[in-house]
Amino acid sequence: MGKVSLDDLRRELAELEAEEARLSAVRDRLHHQIDFGFETETSRTREREISDERRRVHDRIDSLRKLLRERQAV
């Protein structure tokens, strides 16, 4: 498998950052519902799913940023 270009890594990073922002907005809305008394089992479950997915996306973002720093330092 060939090396992935810096442009490809930057593009993936931008896509993941946009996805993280989208997930954060959904999570914020769910927190608002939960905090103001509109909590349901479904909203709690959905909040947990969104938080877990956001964490996975953020971990990938951190990995890509590290890889970009390493590749740019070469």
PDB file of N, CA and C in Angstrom:
ATOM      1  N   MET A   1       0.854  -1.174   0.000  1.00  0.00           N
ATOM      2  CA  MET A   1       0.000   0.000   0.000  1.00  0.00           C
ATOM      3  C   MET A   1       0.896   1.231   0.000  1.00  0.00           C
ATOM      4  N   GLY A   2       0.588   2.211  -0.846  1.00  0.00           N
ATOM      5  CA  GLY A   2       1.385   3.426  -0.959  1.00  0.00           C
ATOM      6  C   GLY A   2       1.138   4.365   0.204  1.00  0.00           C
ATOM      7  N   LYS A   3       2.048   5.306   0.324  1.00  0.00           N
ATOM      8  CA  LYS A   3       1.918   6.314   1.363  1.00  0.00           C
ATOM      9  C   LYS A   3       0.763   7.262   1.047  1.00  0.00           C
ATOM     10  N   VAL A   4       0.025   7.622   2.069  1.00  0.00           N
ATOM     11  CA  VAL A   4      -1.069   8.577   1.914  1.00  0.00           C
ATOM     12  C   VAL A   4      -0.453   9.979   1.883  1.00  0.00           C
ATOM     13  N   SER A   5      -0.912  10.814   0.972  1.00  0.00           N
ATOM     14  CA  SER A   5      -0.345  12.158   0.832  1.00  0.00           C
ATOM     15  C   SER A   5      -0.790  13.067   1.982  1.00  0.00           C
ATOM     16  N   LEU A   6      -0.019  14.116   2.191  1.00  0.00           N
ATOM     17  CA  LEU A   6      -0.385  15.108   3.201  1.00  0.00           C
ATOM     18  C   LEU A   6      -1.733  15.744   2.885  1.00  0.00           C
ATOM     19  N   ASP A   7      -1.986  15.981   1.606  1.00  0.00           N
ATOM     20  CA  ASP A   7      -3.281  16.558   1.209  1.00  0.00           C
ATOM     21  C   ASP A   7      -4.433  15.633   1.578  1.00  0.00           C
ATOM     22  N   ASP A   8      -4.246  14.324   1.372  1.00  0.00           N
ATOM     23  CA  ASP A   8      -5.282  13.357   1.748  1.00  0.00           C
ATOM     24  C   ASP A   8      -5.518  13.374   3.257  1.00  0.00           C
ATOM     25  N   LEU A   9      -4.436  13.447   4.024  1.00  0.00           N
ATOM     26  CA  LEU A   9      -4.564  13.496   5.482  1.00  0.00           C
ATOM     27  C   LEU A   9      -5.276  14.771   5.922  1.00  0.00           C
ATOM     28  N   ARG A  10      -4.933  15.884   5.316  1.00  0.00           N
ATOM     29  CA  ARG A  10      -5.597  17.156   5.650  1.00  0.00           C
ATOM     30  C   ARG A  10      -7.080  17.128   5.293  1.00  0.00           C
ATOM     31  N   ARG A  11      -7.389  16.523   4.153  1.00  0.00           N
ATOM     32  CA  ARG A  11      -8.784  16.416   3.723  1.00  0.00           C
ATOM     33  C   ARG A  11      -9.577  15.556   4.717  1.00  0.00           C
ATOM     34  N   GLU A  12      -9.000  14.421   5.105  1.00  0.00           N
ATOM     35  CA  GLU A  12      -9.676  13.558   6.078  1.00  0.00           C
ATOM     36  C   GLU A  12      -9.848  14.292   7.408  1.00  0.00           C
ATOM     37  N   LEU A  13      -8.825  15.022   7.823  1.00  0.00           N
ATOM     38  CA  LEU A  13      -8.905  15.778   9.069  1.00  0.00           C
ATOM     39  C   LEU A  13     -10.045  16.799   9.008  1.00  0.00           C
ATOM     40  N   ALA A  14     -10.149  17.518   7.916  1.00  0.00           N
ATOM     41  CA  ALA A  14     -11.221  18.510   7.762  1.00  0.00           C
ATOM     42  C   ALA A  14     -12.597  17.846   7.813  1.00  0.00           C
ATOM     43  N   GLU A  15     -12.730  16.703   7.160  1.00  0.00           N
ATOM     44  CA  GLU A  15     -14.007  15.979   7.179  1.00  0.00           C
ATOM     45  C   GLU A  15     -14.354  15.524   8.594  1.00  0.00           C
ATOM     46  N   LEU A  16     -13.356  15.015   9.309  1.00  0.00           N
ATOM     47  CA  LEU A  16     -13.598  14.553  10.673  1.00  0.00           C
ATOM     48  C   LEU A  16     -13.912  15.716  11.611  1.00  0.00           C
ATOM     49  N   GLU A  17     -13.260  16.850  11.420  1.00  0.00           N
ATOM     50  CA  GLU A  17     -13.562  18.018  12.246  1.00  0.00           C
ATOM     51  C   GLU A  17     -14.995  18.493  12.010  1.00  0.00           C
ATOM     52  N   ALA A  18     -15.453  18.440  10.778  1.00  0.00           N
ATOM     53  CA  ALA A  18     -16.842  18.807  10.473  1.00  0.00           C
ATOM     54  C   ALA A  18     -17.804  17.812  11.118  1.00  0.00           C
ATOM     55  N   GLU A  19     -17.469  16.536  11.062  1.00  0.00           N
ATOM     56  CA  GLU A  19     -18.308  15.502  11.681  1.00  0.00           C
ATOM     57  C   GLU A  19     -18.341  15.685  13.196  1.00  0.00           C
ATOM     58  N   GLU A  20     -17.205  15.998  13.784  1.00  0.00           N
ATOM     59  CA  GLU A  20     -17.168  16.229  15.228  1.00  0.00           C
ATOM     60  C   GLU A  20     -18.045  17.425  15.606  1.00  0.00           C
ATOM     61  N   ALA A  21     -18.009  18.477  14.821  1.00  0.00           N
ATOM     62  CA  ALA A  21     -18.845  19.653  15.082  1.00  0.00           C
ATOM     63  C   ALA A  21     -20.325  19.291  14.990  1.00  0.00           C
ATOM     64  N   ARG A  22     -20.680  18.490  13.986  1.00  0.00           N
ATOM     65  CA  ARG A  22     -22.076  18.061  13.834  1.00  0.00           C
ATOM     66  C   ARG A  22     -22.515  17.227  15.036  1.00  0.00           C
ATOM     67  N   LEU A  23     -21.665  16.271  15.434  1.00  0.00           N
ATOM     68  CA  LEU A  23     -21.988  15.419  16.578  1.00  0.00           C
ATOM     69  C   LEU A  23     -22.087  16.238  17.863  1.00  0.00           C
ATOM     70  N   SER A  24     -21.215  17.222  18.014  1.00  0.00           N
ATOM     71  CA  SER A  24     -21.254  18.081  19.201  1.00  0.00           C
ATOM     72  C   SER A  24     -22.557  18.870  19.269  1.00  0.00           C
ATOM     73  N   ALA A  25     -23.023  19.348  18.133  1.00  0.00           N
ATOM     74  CA  ALA A  25     -24.283  20.098  18.098  1.00  0.00           C
ATOM     75  C   ALA A  25     -25.457  19.202  18.495  1.00  0.00           C
ATOM     76  N   VAL A  26     -25.474  17.983  17.989  1.00  0.00           N
ATOM     77  CA  VAL A  26     -26.537  17.032  18.350  1.00  0.00           C
ATOM     78  C   VAL A  26     -26.467  16.735  19.843  1.00  0.00           C
ATOM     79  N   ARG A  27     -25.268  16.495  20.326  1.00  0.00           N
ATOM     80  CA  ARG A  27     -25.076  16.191  21.744  1.00  0.00           C
ATOM     81  C   ARG A  27     -25.511  17.367  22.615  1.00  0.00           C
ATOM     82  N   ASP A  28     -25.172  18.580  22.208  1.00  0.00           N
ATOM     83  CA  ASP A  28     -25.584  19.768  22.964  1.00  0.00           C
ATOM     84  C   ASP A  28     -27.107  19.878  23.047  1.00  0.00           C
ATOM     85  N   ARG A  29     -27.786  19.603  21.932  1.00  0.00           N
ATOM     86  CA  ARG A  29     -29.264  19.641  21.942  1.00  0.00           C
ATOM     87  C   ARG A  29     -29.826  18.590  22.896  1.00  0.00           C
ATOM     88  N   LEU A  30     -29.238  17.399  22.875  1.00  0.00           N
ATOM     89  CA  LEU A  30     -29.698  16.342  23.781  1.00  0.00           C
ATOM     90  C   LEU A  30     -29.438  16.730  25.237  1.00  0.00           C
ATOM     91  N   HIS A  31     -28.273  17.306  25.520  1.00  0.00           N
ATOM     92  CA  HIS A  31     -27.986  17.762  26.886  1.00  0.00           C
ATOM     93  C   HIS A  31     -29.000  18.814  27.322  1.00  0.00           C
ATOM     94  N   HIS A  32     -29.337  19.707  26.419  1.00  0.00           N
ATOM     95  CA  HIS A  32     -30.324  20.744  26.724  1.00  0.00           C
ATOM     96  C   HIS A  32     -31.668  20.105  27.091  1.00  0.00           C
ATOM     97  N   GLN A  33     -32.104  19.138  26.299  1.00  0.00           N
ATOM     98  CA  GLN A  33     -33.360  18.432  26.590  1.00  0.00           C
ATOM     99  C   GLN A  33     -33.296  17.762  27.952  1.00  0.00           C
ATOM    100  N   ILE A  34     -32.208  17.057  28.197  1.00  0.00           N
ATOM    101  CA  ILE A  34     -32.057  16.312  29.447  1.00  0.00           C
ATOM    102  C   ILE A  34     -32.002  17.274  30.635  1.00  0.00           C
ATOM    103  N   ASP A  35     -31.224  18.344  30.507  1.00  0.00           N
ATOM    104  CA  ASP A  35     -31.043  19.299  31.605  1.00  0.00           C
ATOM    105  C   ASP A  35     -32.319  20.052  31.960  1.00  0.00           C
ATOM    106  N   PHE A  36     -33.213  20.244  30.989  1.00  0.00           N
ATOM    107  CA  PHE A  36     -34.419  21.023  31.238  1.00  0.00           C
ATOM    108  C   PHE A  36     -35.669  20.164  31.396  1.00  0.00           C
ATOM    109  N   GLY A  37     -35.466  18.906  31.805  1.00  0.00           N
ATOM    110  CA  GLY A  37     -36.578  18.073  32.213  1.00  0.00           C
ATOM    111  C   GLY A  37     -37.276  17.289  31.128  1.00  0.00           C
ATOM    112  N   PHE A  38     -36.725  17.236  29.939  1.00  0.00           N
ATOM    113  CA  PHE A  38     -37.352  16.483  28.859  1.00  0.00           C
ATOM    114  C   PHE A  38     -36.616  15.170  28.603  1.00  0.00           C
ATOM    115  N   GLU A  39     -36.030  14.641  29.662  1.00  0.00           N
ATOM    116  CA  GLU A  39     -35.253  13.413  29.547  1.00  0.00           C
ATOM    117  C   GLU A  39     -36.173  12.207  29.367  1.00  0.00           C
ATOM    118  N   THR A  40     -35.798  11.365  28.430  1.00  0.00           N
ATOM    119  CA  THR A  40     -36.459  10.074  28.245  1.00  0.00           C
ATOM    120  C   THR A  40     -35.360   9.024  28.162  1.00  0.00           C
ATOM    121  N   GLU A  41     -35.743   7.791  28.265  1.00  0.00           N
ATOM    122  CA  GLU A  41     -34.772   6.703  28.105  1.00  0.00           C
ATOM    123  C   GLU A  41     -34.130   6.775  26.722  1.00  0.00           C
ATOM    124  N   THR A  42     -34.936   7.122  25.733  1.00  0.00           N
ATOM    125  CA  THR A  42     -34.424   7.235  24.362  1.00  0.00           C
ATOM    126  C   THR A  42     -33.401   8.359  24.246  1.00  0.00           C
ATOM    127  N   SER A  43     -33.686   9.511  24.854  1.00  0.00           N
ATOM    128  CA  SER A  43     -32.733  10.626  24.757  1.00  0.00           C
ATOM    129  C   SER A  43     -31.440  10.310  25.496  1.00  0.00           C
ATOM    130  N   ARG A  44     -31.523   9.631  26.630  1.00  0.00           N
ATOM    131  CA  ARG A  44     -30.317   9.225  27.365  1.00  0.00           C
ATOM    132  C   ARG A  44     -29.480   8.247  26.537  1.00  0.00           C
ATOM    133  N   THR A  45     -30.150   7.265  25.934  1.00  0.00           N
ATOM    134  CA  THR A  45     -29.448   6.277  25.106  1.00  0.00           C
ATOM    135  C   THR A  45     -28.809   6.951  23.904  1.00  0.00           C
ATOM    136  N   ARG A  46     -29.550   7.834  23.260  1.00  0.00           N
ATOM    137  CA  ARG A  46     -29.031   8.539  22.082  1.00  0.00           C
ATOM    138  C   ARG A  46     -27.848   9.437  22.459  1.00  0.00           C
ATOM    139  N   GLU A  47     -27.938  10.095  23.609  1.00  0.00           N
ATOM    140  CA  GLU A  47     -26.833  10.944  24.066  1.00  0.00           C
ATOM    141  C   GLU A  47     -25.575  10.106  24.274  1.00  0.00           C
ATOM    142  N   ARG A  48     -25.717   8.928  24.837  1.00  0.00           N
ATOM    143  CA  ARG A  48     -24.573   8.047  25.072  1.00  0.00           C
ATOM    144  C   ARG A  48     -23.980   7.595  23.736  1.00  0.00           C
ATOM    145  N   GLU A  49     -24.834   7.235  22.779  1.00  0.00           N
ATOM    146  CA  GLU A  49     -24.350   6.814  21.453  1.00  0.00           C
ATOM    147  C   GLU A  49     -23.598   7.949  20.760  1.00  0.00           C
ATOM    148  N   ILE A  50     -24.169   9.141  20.797  1.00  0.00           N
ATOM    149  CA  ILE A  50     -23.538  10.304  20.159  1.00  0.00           C
ATOM    150  C   ILE A  50     -22.210  10.626  20.844  1.00  0.00           C
ATOM    151  N   SER A  51     -22.191  10.583  22.165  1.00  0.00           N
ATOM    152  CA  SER A  51     -20.956  10.868  22.897  1.00  0.00           C
ATOM    153  C   SER A  51     -19.866   9.856  22.564  1.00  0.00           C
ATOM    154  N   ASP A  52     -20.239   8.593  22.482  1.00  0.00           N
ATOM    155  CA  ASP A  52     -19.264   7.551  22.134  1.00  0.00           C
ATOM    156  C   ASP A  52     -18.720   7.753  20.727  1.00  0.00           C
ATOM    157  N   GLU A  53     -19.597   8.071  19.792  1.00  0.00           N
ATOM    158  CA  GLU A  53     -19.165   8.300  18.409  1.00  0.00           C
ATOM    159  C   GLU A  53     -18.275   9.544  18.327  1.00  0.00           C
ATOM    160  N   ARG A  54     -18.656  10.585  19.025  1.00  0.00           N
ATOM    161  CA  ARG A  54     -17.850  11.818  19.041  1.00  0.00           C
ATOM    162  C   ARG A  54     -16.459  11.537  19.604  1.00  0.00           C
ATOM    163  N   ARG A  55     -16.396  10.723  20.636  1.00  0.00           N
ATOM    164  CA  ARG A  55     -15.102  10.363  21.223  1.00  0.00           C
ATOM    165  C   ARG A  55     -14.239   9.600  20.224  1.00  0.00           C
ATOM    166  N   ARG A  56     -14.847   8.670  19.481  1.00  0.00           N
ATOM    167  CA  ARG A  56     -14.102   7.916  18.457  1.00  0.00           C
ATOM    168  C   ARG A  56     -13.585   8.854  17.362  1.00  0.00           C
ATOM    169  N   VAL A  57     -14.439   9.768  16.930  1.00  0.00           N
ATOM    170  CA  VAL A  57     -14.028  10.733  15.902  1.00  0.00           C
ATOM    171  C   VAL A  57     -12.895  11.607  16.440  1.00  0.00           C
ATOM    172  N   HIS A  58     -13.031  12.061  17.676  1.00  0.00           N
ATOM    173  CA  HIS A  58     -11.994  12.913  18.252  1.00  0.00           C
ATOM    174  C   HIS A  58     -10.664  12.161  18.396  1.00  0.00           C
ATOM    175  N   ASP A  59     -10.722  10.898  18.764  1.00  0.00           N
ATOM    176  CA  ASP A  59      -9.497  10.088  18.843  1.00  0.00           C
ATOM    177  C   ASP A  59      -8.823   9.998  17.481  1.00  0.00           C
ATOM    178  N   ARG A  60      -9.614   9.828  16.432  1.00  0.00           N
ATOM    179  CA  ARG A  60      -9.057   9.769  15.077  1.00  0.00           C
ATOM    180  C   ARG A  60      -8.461  11.124  14.683  1.00  0.00           C
ATOM    181  N   ILE A  61      -9.128  12.199  15.050  1.00  0.00           N
ATOM    182  CA  ILE A  61      -8.602  13.542  14.787  1.00  0.00           C
ATOM    183  C   ILE A  61      -7.240  13.709  15.462  1.00  0.00           C
ATOM    184  N   ASP A  62      -7.156  13.315  16.722  1.00  0.00           N
ATOM    185  CA  ASP A  62      -5.882  13.413  17.439  1.00  0.00           C
ATOM    186  C   ASP A  62      -4.796  12.604  16.744  1.00  0.00           C
ATOM    187  N   SER A  63      -5.138  11.405  16.284  1.00  0.00           N
ATOM    188  CA  SER A  63      -4.168  10.557  15.581  1.00  0.00           C
ATOM    189  C   SER A  63      -3.708  11.203  14.281  1.00  0.00           C
ATOM    190  N   LEU A  64      -4.648  11.760  13.533  1.00  0.00           N
ATOM    191  CA  LEU A  64      -4.292  12.418  12.277  1.00  0.00           C
ATOM    192  C   LEU A  64      -3.424  13.648  12.513  1.00  0.00           C
ATOM    193  N   ARG A  65      -3.746  14.425  13.520  1.00  0.00           N
ATOM    194  CA  ARG A  65      -2.931  15.609  13.824  1.00  0.00           C
ATOM    195  C   ARG A  65      -1.500  15.207  14.178  1.00  0.00           C
ATOM    196  N   LYS A  66      -1.377  14.159  14.957  1.00  0.00           N
ATOM    197  CA  LYS A  66      -0.046  13.666  15.321  1.00  0.00           C
ATOM    198  C   LYS A  66       0.707  13.203  14.079  1.00  0.00           C
ATOM    199  N   LEU A  67       0.037  12.441  13.242  1.00  0.00           N
ATOM    200  CA  LEU A  67       0.660  11.949  12.014  1.00  0.00           C
ATOM    201  C   LEU A  67       1.076  13.105  11.105  1.00  0.00           C
ATOM    202  N   LEU A  68       0.223  14.099  10.977  1.00  0.00           N
ATOM    203  CA  LEU A  68       0.560  15.271  10.158  1.00  0.00           C
ATOM    204  C   LEU A  68       1.788  16.000  10.704  1.00  0.00           C
ATOM    205  N   ARG A  69       1.843  16.168  12.018  1.00  0.00           N
ATOM    206  CA  ARG A  69       3.016  16.825  12.614  1.00  0.00           C
ATOM    207  C   ARG A  69       4.286  16.032  12.319  1.00  0.00           C
ATOM    208  N   GLU A  70       4.198  14.716  12.465  1.00  0.00           N
ATOM    209  CA  GLU A  70       5.364  13.864  12.215  1.00  0.00           C
ATOM    210  C   GLU A  70       5.795  13.931  10.757  1.00  0.00           C
ATOM    211  N   ARG A  71       4.829  13.864   9.857  1.00  0.00           N
ATOM    212  CA  ARG A  71       5.147  13.871   8.420  1.00  0.00           C
ATOM    213  C   ARG A  71       5.669  15.230   7.967  1.00  0.00           C
ATOM    214  N   GLN A  72       5.171  16.306   8.547  1.00  0.00           N
ATOM    215  CA  GLN A  72       5.619  17.641   8.155  1.00  0.00           C
ATOM    216  C   GLN A  72       7.012  17.946   8.700  1.00  0.00           C
ATOM    217  N   ALA A  73       7.390  17.274   9.784  1.00  0.00           N
ATOM    218  CA  ALA A  73       8.697  17.504  10.394  1.00  0.00           C
ATOM    219  C   ALA A  73       9.818  16.825   9.615  1.00  0.00           C
ATOM    220  N   VAL A  74       9.457  15.920   8.730  1.00  0.00           N
ATOM    221  CA  VAL A  74      10.469  15.169   7.971  1.00  0.00           C
ATOM    222  C   VAL A  74      11.082  16.005   6.882  1.00  0.00           C
TER     223      VAL A  74
END
